[in-house]
Amino acid sequence: MRRPVDAARIRRFMRELGGEAERDVRLYFTGGATAVLLGWRTGTIDVDVVDVKMESETDRLFRAFPRLKDKLEINIELASPDQFIPELSG
């Protein structure tokens, strides 16, 4: 089991992943990672990344996840918006 992920390691993950991108993309976090980055708690067990369309960058960035997981010793979980945002009626 890996140690809890703190804000410094989340930011390092962001920098390393950004280094893989060939242009600007948006990546969204949810769950404990957001609480850590906002200072509400000191650590989380994993970094939940919202699976959104990153256009041509998707494959390149997602292929970097396993390498970054090992290098930074963090768990990365993909989440879909429908897992945490209720569908609107109608």
Protein backbone atom coordinates (compact mmCIF):
# COMPACT_ATOMS: atom_id res chain seq x y z
CA MET A 1 0.00 0.00 0.00
CA ARG A 2 1.33 3.43 -0.93
CA ARG A 3 1.65 6.31 1.49
CA PRO A 4 -0.96 9.10 1.38
CA VAL A 5 -0.51 11.68 -1.38
CA ASP A 6 0.10 15.25 -0.21
CA ALA A 7 -0.29 18.53 -2.09
CA ALA A 8 3.37 18.61 -3.15
CA ARG A 9 3.08 15.22 -4.88
CA ILE A 10 -0.20 16.18 -6.56
CA ARG A 11 1.44 19.33 -7.91
CA ARG A 12 4.45 17.33 -9.06
CA PHE A 13 2.07 14.96 -10.88
CA MET A 14 0.46 17.98 -12.54
CA ARG A 15 3.84 19.33 -13.67
CA GLU A 16 5.07 15.96 -14.94
CA LEU A 17 1.83 15.27 -16.80
CA GLY A 18 1.87 18.80 -18.22
CA GLY A 19 5.34 18.07 -19.54
CA GLU A 20 3.84 15.28 -21.63
CA ALA A 21 1.32 17.59 -23.32
CA GLU A 22 2.19 19.18 -26.62
CA ARG A 23 -0.35 21.97 -26.08
CA ASP A 24 -2.63 23.33 -23.38
CA VAL A 25 -5.22 20.88 -22.03
CA ARG A 26 -7.58 20.93 -19.07
CA LEU A 27 -7.46 18.17 -16.51
CA TYR A 28 -9.92 18.04 -13.64
CA PHE A 29 -9.53 16.46 -10.22
CA THR A 30 -12.29 15.29 -7.92
CA GLY A 31 -12.47 13.64 -4.54
CA GLY A 32 -9.66 13.76 -2.02
CA ALA A 33 -7.15 15.42 -4.34
CA THR A 34 -9.29 18.56 -4.46
CA ALA A 35 -9.60 18.58 -0.67
CA VAL A 36 -5.82 18.31 -0.36
CA LEU A 37 -5.13 21.06 -2.89
CA LEU A 38 -7.62 23.35 -1.14
CA GLY A 39 -5.99 22.67 2.24
CA TRP A 40 -9.00 20.90 3.76
CA ARG A 41 -6.92 17.82 4.53
CA THR A 42 -3.26 16.83 4.39
CA GLY A 43 -3.42 13.71 2.27
CA THR A 44 -5.48 11.34 0.16
CA ILE A 45 -5.08 7.72 -0.87
CA ASP A 46 -5.44 8.39 -4.58
CA VAL A 47 -5.68 11.10 -7.20
CA ASP A 48 -9.04 11.01 -8.97
CA VAL A 49 -8.75 12.37 -12.49
CA VAL A 50 -11.95 13.14 -14.35
CA ASP A 51 -12.03 11.36 -17.67
CA VAL A 52 -12.84 14.18 -20.05
CA LYS A 53 -12.11 14.56 -23.72
CA MET A 54 -8.63 15.97 -24.14
CA GLU A 55 -8.86 15.70 -27.92
CA SER A 56 -5.61 14.59 -29.55
CA GLU A 57 -3.75 14.62 -26.24
CA THR A 58 -5.81 11.80 -24.69
CA ASP A 59 -3.67 8.83 -25.71
CA ARG A 60 -0.35 10.48 -24.98
CA LEU A 61 -1.42 11.73 -21.54
CA PHE A 62 -3.22 8.55 -20.50
CA ARG A 63 -0.21 6.47 -21.55
CA ALA A 64 1.88 8.56 -19.16
CA PHE A 65 -0.31 7.64 -16.15
CA PRO A 66 1.26 4.20 -15.40
CA ARG A 67 4.79 5.62 -15.57
CA LEU A 68 3.88 8.56 -13.33
CA LYS A 69 2.07 6.28 -10.88
CA ASP A 70 5.28 4.31 -10.37
CA LYS A 71 7.67 7.26 -10.49
CA LEU A 72 5.68 9.36 -7.98
CA GLU A 73 4.34 6.41 -5.98
CA ILE A 74 0.72 7.55 -6.26
CA ASN A 75 -2.53 5.85 -7.15
CA ILE A 76 -4.36 7.46 -10.05
CA GLU A 77 -8.03 6.66 -10.58
CA LEU A 78 -10.03 7.71 -13.61
CA ALA A 79 -13.50 9.02 -12.83
CA SER A 80 -16.34 9.93 -15.15
CA PRO A 81 -18.60 12.90 -14.44
CA ASP A 82 -21.60 10.56 -14.19
CA GLN A 83 -19.94 8.93 -11.16
CA PHE A 84 -20.25 12.08 -9.05
CA ILE A 85 -22.59 14.52 -10.80
CA PRO A 86 -26.24 13.46 -10.84
CA GLU A 87 -27.96 13.49 -14.21
CA LEU A 88 -30.46 16.30 -14.68
CA SER A 89 -34.07 15.26 -14.95
CA GLY A 90 -35.62 15.58 -18.42
